[in-house]
Amino acid sequence: ALYTWKSDGSNVLKGDKQTLPGRSLDMRNLSSLSIDPRTGHMLALSADSHMLLEVDEQGEQVSFMTLLGGMNGLKDTIPRAEGVALDEAGTLYMVSEPNLFYSFRKH
C-alpha cells in the first residue's frame, strides 16, 4: 500500500498517514529515469515532488521513497534531486544540486 501525508516538505510530518490510491502519486517535473539492474523496474525521480518512484514493466507502481527530511534516514530534505542510479547490490545513489551526493543501503 502507498501512503501520504499533507505536507509541502518544509515542516516535520505530523498526523496519521492516509492510504493513497495506487494511481494518485503526483509526480511533477521528472529529473531522472534509471533502470534497476536486478529487476528491470524503472526508477523515476522528481525534485519538485521530493520523491523516487519504482514502476514495473506494466507501468504499475511498486514502491516509492520520499526525499523529505526526517524520513528514510535523511536529516534534511534533499533540496534538488537531479540524478539516481542503483547498483547490483541494491545500493541507491542520488545526486542533488548544489553538489550533494547521497547513498542509501538496504538493511
N, C-alpha and C. Protein backbone atom coordinates (compact mmCIF):
# COMPACT_ATOMS: atom_id res chain seq x y z
N ALA A 1 0.84 -1.19 0.00
CA ALA A 1 0.00 0.00 0.00
C ALA A 1 0.87 1.24 0.00
N LEU A 2 0.39 2.29 -0.60
CA LEU A 2 1.07 3.57 -0.61
C LEU A 2 0.34 4.49 0.36
N TYR A 3 1.11 5.38 1.00
CA TYR A 3 0.54 6.28 1.98
C TYR A 3 0.99 7.71 1.70
N THR A 4 0.25 8.66 2.25
CA THR A 4 0.57 10.06 2.04
C THR A 4 0.37 10.85 3.35
N TRP A 5 1.04 11.96 3.44
CA TRP A 5 0.81 12.96 4.48
C TRP A 5 0.64 14.28 3.77
N LYS A 6 -0.15 15.17 4.33
CA LYS A 6 -0.28 16.51 3.77
C LYS A 6 0.93 17.31 4.21
N SER A 7 1.77 17.72 3.26
CA SER A 7 2.98 18.46 3.58
C SER A 7 3.54 19.10 2.33
N ASP A 8 4.15 20.26 2.50
CA ASP A 8 4.86 20.88 1.38
C ASP A 8 6.36 20.57 1.46
N GLY A 9 6.75 19.74 2.44
CA GLY A 9 8.14 19.34 2.58
C GLY A 9 8.97 20.26 3.45
N SER A 10 8.39 21.35 3.94
CA SER A 10 9.17 22.30 4.73
C SER A 10 9.06 22.07 6.23
N ASN A 11 8.12 21.25 6.67
CA ASN A 11 7.92 21.02 8.10
C ASN A 11 8.00 19.53 8.42
N VAL A 12 8.18 19.23 9.70
CA VAL A 12 8.15 17.84 10.16
C VAL A 12 6.75 17.30 9.93
N LEU A 13 6.67 16.06 9.47
CA LEU A 13 5.37 15.44 9.20
C LEU A 13 4.65 15.15 10.51
N LYS A 14 3.37 15.50 10.56
CA LYS A 14 2.56 15.26 11.75
C LYS A 14 1.25 14.63 11.32
N GLY A 15 0.59 13.96 12.25
CA GLY A 15 -0.70 13.37 11.94
C GLY A 15 -0.56 11.96 11.40
N ASP A 16 -1.69 11.37 11.10
CA ASP A 16 -1.71 9.99 10.62
C ASP A 16 -1.49 9.94 9.12
N LYS A 17 -0.78 8.90 8.71
CA LYS A 17 -0.65 8.68 7.26
C LYS A 17 -1.98 8.18 6.73
N GLN A 18 -2.24 8.48 5.48
CA GLN A 18 -3.51 8.09 4.87
C GLN A 18 -3.23 7.27 3.62
N THR A 19 -4.03 6.25 3.39
CA THR A 19 -3.86 5.41 2.22
C THR A 19 -4.03 6.24 0.96
N LEU A 20 -3.13 6.04 0.01
CA LEU A 20 -3.15 6.76 -1.25
C LEU A 20 -3.51 5.78 -2.36
N PRO A 21 -4.56 6.06 -3.13
CA PRO A 21 -4.90 5.16 -4.23
C PRO A 21 -3.71 4.98 -5.17
N GLY A 22 -3.53 3.79 -5.70
CA GLY A 22 -2.35 3.42 -6.47
C GLY A 22 -1.97 4.36 -7.59
N ARG A 23 -2.90 5.00 -8.23
CA ARG A 23 -2.58 5.87 -9.36
C ARG A 23 -2.60 7.35 -8.99
N SER A 24 -2.51 7.67 -7.71
CA SER A 24 -2.67 9.06 -7.28
C SER A 24 -1.37 9.77 -6.94
N LEU A 25 -0.22 9.14 -7.14
CA LEU A 25 1.02 9.83 -6.83
C LEU A 25 1.21 10.99 -7.80
N ASP A 26 1.50 12.15 -7.27
CA ASP A 26 1.65 13.36 -8.08
C ASP A 26 3.14 13.57 -8.35
N MET A 27 3.59 13.12 -9.50
CA MET A 27 4.99 13.30 -9.89
C MET A 27 5.06 14.47 -10.87
N ARG A 28 5.78 15.50 -10.48
CA ARG A 28 5.94 16.68 -11.32
C ARG A 28 7.40 16.85 -11.69
N ASN A 29 7.65 17.30 -12.91
CA ASN A 29 8.99 17.68 -13.35
C ASN A 29 10.01 16.58 -13.09
N LEU A 30 9.92 15.50 -13.82
CA LEU A 30 10.87 14.40 -13.64
C LEU A 30 12.30 14.87 -13.88
N SER A 31 13.19 14.50 -12.97
CA SER A 31 14.59 14.88 -13.04
C SER A 31 15.45 13.81 -13.67
N SER A 32 15.09 12.54 -13.44
CA SER A 32 15.94 11.44 -13.87
C SER A 32 15.13 10.16 -13.98
N LEU A 33 15.53 9.32 -14.93
CA LEU A 33 14.99 7.97 -15.05
C LEU A 33 16.16 7.00 -15.04
N SER A 34 15.98 5.87 -14.38
CA SER A 34 17.02 4.85 -14.30
C SER A 34 16.35 3.49 -14.26
N ILE A 35 17.11 2.44 -14.55
CA ILE A 35 16.59 1.08 -14.51
C ILE A 35 17.30 0.30 -13.41
N ASP A 36 16.53 -0.40 -12.59
CA ASP A 36 17.09 -1.28 -11.56
C ASP A 36 17.66 -2.50 -12.28
N PRO A 37 18.99 -2.72 -12.21
CA PRO A 37 19.60 -3.83 -12.95
C PRO A 37 19.16 -5.20 -12.44
N ARG A 38 18.63 -5.26 -11.23
CA ARG A 38 18.22 -6.54 -10.65
C ARG A 38 16.83 -6.95 -11.10
N THR A 39 15.93 -5.99 -11.30
CA THR A 39 14.53 -6.30 -11.59
C THR A 39 14.05 -5.82 -12.95
N GLY A 40 14.75 -4.84 -13.53
CA GLY A 40 14.29 -4.21 -14.76
C GLY A 40 13.26 -3.13 -14.50
N HIS A 41 12.93 -2.87 -13.24
CA HIS A 41 11.96 -1.82 -12.92
C HIS A 41 12.57 -0.44 -13.18
N MET A 42 11.71 0.50 -13.55
CA MET A 42 12.14 1.87 -13.79
C MET A 42 12.06 2.67 -12.50
N LEU A 43 13.07 3.50 -12.27
CA LEU A 43 13.09 4.44 -11.15
C LEU A 43 12.89 5.84 -11.72
N ALA A 44 11.87 6.53 -11.26
CA ALA A 44 11.56 7.88 -11.71
C ALA A 44 11.78 8.84 -10.54
N LEU A 45 12.63 9.83 -10.76
CA LEU A 45 13.00 10.78 -9.71
C LEU A 45 12.39 12.14 -10.02
N SER A 46 11.78 12.76 -9.01
CA SER A 46 11.20 14.09 -9.16
C SER A 46 11.71 15.01 -8.06
N ALA A 47 12.44 16.05 -8.47
CA ALA A 47 12.92 17.04 -7.50
C ALA A 47 11.76 17.85 -6.93
N ASP A 48 10.83 18.24 -7.79
CA ASP A 48 9.70 19.06 -7.34
C ASP A 48 8.81 18.31 -6.36
N SER A 49 8.62 17.02 -6.58
CA SER A 49 7.75 16.21 -5.72
C SER A 49 8.50 15.59 -4.55
N HIS A 50 9.82 15.74 -4.51
CA HIS A 50 10.65 15.14 -3.46
C HIS A 50 10.35 13.65 -3.34
N MET A 51 10.41 12.95 -4.48
CA MET A 51 10.01 11.55 -4.48
C MET A 51 10.78 10.74 -5.52
N LEU A 52 11.03 9.47 -5.16
CA LEU A 52 11.55 8.48 -6.09
C LEU A 52 10.49 7.39 -6.19
N LEU A 53 10.09 7.07 -7.41
CA LEU A 53 9.03 6.10 -7.66
C LEU A 53 9.59 4.91 -8.43
N GLU A 54 9.24 3.70 -8.01
CA GLU A 54 9.61 2.47 -8.72
C GLU A 54 8.38 1.95 -9.45
N VAL A 55 8.55 1.67 -10.75
CA VAL A 55 7.45 1.22 -11.60
C VAL A 55 7.87 -0.07 -12.30
N ASP A 56 6.98 -1.06 -12.35
CA ASP A 56 7.32 -2.33 -13.02
C ASP A 56 7.12 -2.21 -14.53
N GLU A 57 7.34 -3.33 -15.23
CA GLU A 57 7.28 -3.35 -16.69
C GLU A 57 5.89 -3.03 -17.24
N GLN A 58 4.85 -3.22 -16.43
CA GLN A 58 3.49 -2.91 -16.85
C GLN A 58 3.08 -1.48 -16.49
N GLY A 59 4.00 -0.71 -15.91
CA GLY A 59 3.71 0.65 -15.52
C GLY A 59 3.02 0.77 -14.18
N GLU A 60 2.96 -0.32 -13.42
CA GLU A 60 2.33 -0.30 -12.10
C GLU A 60 3.34 0.13 -11.05
N GLN A 61 2.87 0.95 -10.11
CA GLN A 61 3.73 1.42 -9.03
C GLN A 61 4.07 0.26 -8.11
N VAL A 62 5.36 0.08 -7.84
CA VAL A 62 5.84 -0.99 -6.96
C VAL A 62 6.15 -0.42 -5.59
N SER A 63 6.86 0.70 -5.55
CA SER A 63 7.22 1.33 -4.28
C SER A 63 7.56 2.79 -4.54
N PHE A 64 7.71 3.53 -3.46
CA PHE A 64 8.20 4.89 -3.59
C PHE A 64 9.01 5.25 -2.36
N MET A 65 9.82 6.29 -2.49
CA MET A 65 10.66 6.77 -1.40
C MET A 65 10.53 8.28 -1.36
N THR A 66 10.15 8.81 -0.21
CA THR A 66 10.10 10.25 -0.05
C THR A 66 11.50 10.77 0.23
N LEU A 67 11.79 11.95 -0.23
CA LEU A 67 13.10 12.57 -0.05
C LEU A 67 13.03 13.70 0.96
N LEU A 68 12.02 13.67 1.82
CA LEU A 68 11.81 14.70 2.83
C LEU A 68 12.66 14.43 4.06
N GLY A 69 13.15 15.48 4.68
CA GLY A 69 13.91 15.37 5.92
C GLY A 69 13.09 14.67 6.99
N GLY A 70 13.78 13.86 7.80
CA GLY A 70 13.11 13.11 8.85
C GLY A 70 12.61 11.76 8.39
N MET A 71 12.74 11.46 7.11
CA MET A 71 12.29 10.18 6.55
C MET A 71 13.48 9.48 5.89
N ASN A 72 13.45 8.15 5.88
CA ASN A 72 14.45 7.35 5.18
C ASN A 72 15.89 7.69 5.56
N GLY A 73 16.10 8.05 6.83
CA GLY A 73 17.44 8.35 7.32
C GLY A 73 17.96 9.73 6.96
N LEU A 74 17.12 10.57 6.38
CA LEU A 74 17.55 11.91 5.99
C LEU A 74 17.33 12.90 7.12
N LYS A 75 18.37 13.66 7.44
CA LYS A 75 18.22 14.72 8.44
C LYS A 75 17.44 15.89 7.82
N ASP A 76 17.82 16.25 6.59
CA ASP A 76 17.18 17.35 5.88
C ASP A 76 16.60 16.85 4.56
N THR A 77 15.65 17.58 4.03
CA THR A 77 15.09 17.27 2.72
C THR A 77 16.16 17.40 1.65
N ILE A 78 16.20 16.46 0.70
CA ILE A 78 17.12 16.58 -0.43
C ILE A 78 16.64 17.77 -1.25
N PRO A 79 17.48 18.82 -1.40
CA PRO A 79 16.98 20.08 -1.95
C PRO A 79 16.58 20.04 -3.42
N ARG A 80 17.35 19.38 -4.26
CA ARG A 80 17.06 19.40 -5.71
C ARG A 80 17.63 18.13 -6.34
N ALA A 81 16.97 17.00 -6.10
CA ALA A 81 17.44 15.70 -6.61
C ALA A 81 17.44 15.72 -8.13
N GLU A 82 18.59 15.42 -8.74
CA GLU A 82 18.73 15.52 -10.19
C GLU A 82 19.16 14.23 -10.88
N GLY A 83 19.66 13.24 -10.13
CA GLY A 83 20.09 12.00 -10.76
C GLY A 83 20.01 10.84 -9.79
N VAL A 84 19.74 9.63 -10.33
CA VAL A 84 19.61 8.44 -9.50
C VAL A 84 20.19 7.24 -10.23
N ALA A 85 20.83 6.35 -9.48
CA ALA A 85 21.34 5.09 -10.02
C ALA A 85 21.26 4.04 -8.92
N LEU A 86 21.21 2.78 -9.33
CA LEU A 86 21.13 1.66 -8.39
C LEU A 86 22.13 0.62 -8.85
N ASP A 87 22.93 0.09 -7.92
CA ASP A 87 23.91 -0.92 -8.32
C ASP A 87 23.35 -2.33 -8.11
N GLU A 88 24.15 -3.32 -8.48
CA GLU A 88 23.72 -4.73 -8.42
C GLU A 88 23.45 -5.20 -6.99
N ALA A 89 24.03 -4.53 -5.99
CA ALA A 89 23.81 -4.90 -4.59
C ALA A 89 22.57 -4.23 -4.01
N GLY A 90 21.94 -3.34 -4.77
CA GLY A 90 20.75 -2.66 -4.29
C GLY A 90 21.03 -1.34 -3.62
N THR A 91 22.28 -0.87 -3.66
CA THR A 91 22.61 0.44 -3.10
C THR A 91 22.13 1.52 -4.06
N LEU A 92 21.41 2.48 -3.52
CA LEU A 92 20.83 3.56 -4.30
C LEU A 92 21.72 4.79 -4.17
N TYR A 93 22.04 5.42 -5.29
CA TYR A 93 22.87 6.62 -5.32
C TYR A 93 22.05 7.76 -5.90
N MET A 94 22.18 8.94 -5.28
CA MET A 94 21.42 10.08 -5.74
C MET A 94 22.30 11.32 -5.67
N VAL A 95 22.18 12.18 -6.67
CA VAL A 95 22.87 13.47 -6.67
C VAL A 95 21.83 14.58 -6.65
N SER A 96 22.23 15.70 -6.04
CA SER A 96 21.34 16.84 -5.91
C SER A 96 22.15 18.12 -6.05
N GLU A 97 21.50 19.15 -6.56
CA GLU A 97 22.13 20.46 -6.54
C GLU A 97 22.05 20.97 -5.11
N PRO A 98 22.99 21.70 -4.60
CA PRO A 98 24.27 22.08 -5.20
C PRO A 98 25.38 21.10 -4.80
N ASN A 99 25.80 20.25 -5.69
CA ASN A 99 26.94 19.34 -5.49
C ASN A 99 26.80 18.43 -4.27
N LEU A 100 25.64 17.81 -4.11
CA LEU A 100 25.40 16.89 -2.99
C LEU A 100 25.29 15.46 -3.51
N PHE A 101 25.79 14.51 -2.73
CA PHE A 101 25.77 13.09 -3.09
C PHE A 101 25.20 12.30 -1.92
N TYR A 102 24.28 11.39 -2.21
CA TYR A 102 23.64 10.56 -1.19
C TYR A 102 23.74 9.11 -1.61
N SER A 103 23.87 8.22 -0.61
CA SER A 103 23.76 6.79 -0.89
C SER A 103 22.86 6.17 0.17
N PHE A 104 22.04 5.23 -0.27
CA PHE A 104 21.09 4.55 0.60
C PHE A 104 21.31 3.05 0.44
N ARG A 105 21.61 2.38 1.55
CA ARG A 105 21.83 0.93 1.52
C ARG A 105 20.67 0.23 2.19
N LYS A 106 20.27 -0.90 1.63
CA LYS A 106 19.22 -1.72 2.25
C LYS A 106 19.80 -2.39 3.48
N HIS A 107 18.98 -2.48 4.53
CA HIS A 107 19.42 -3.16 5.76
C HIS A 107 18.89 -4.56 5.78
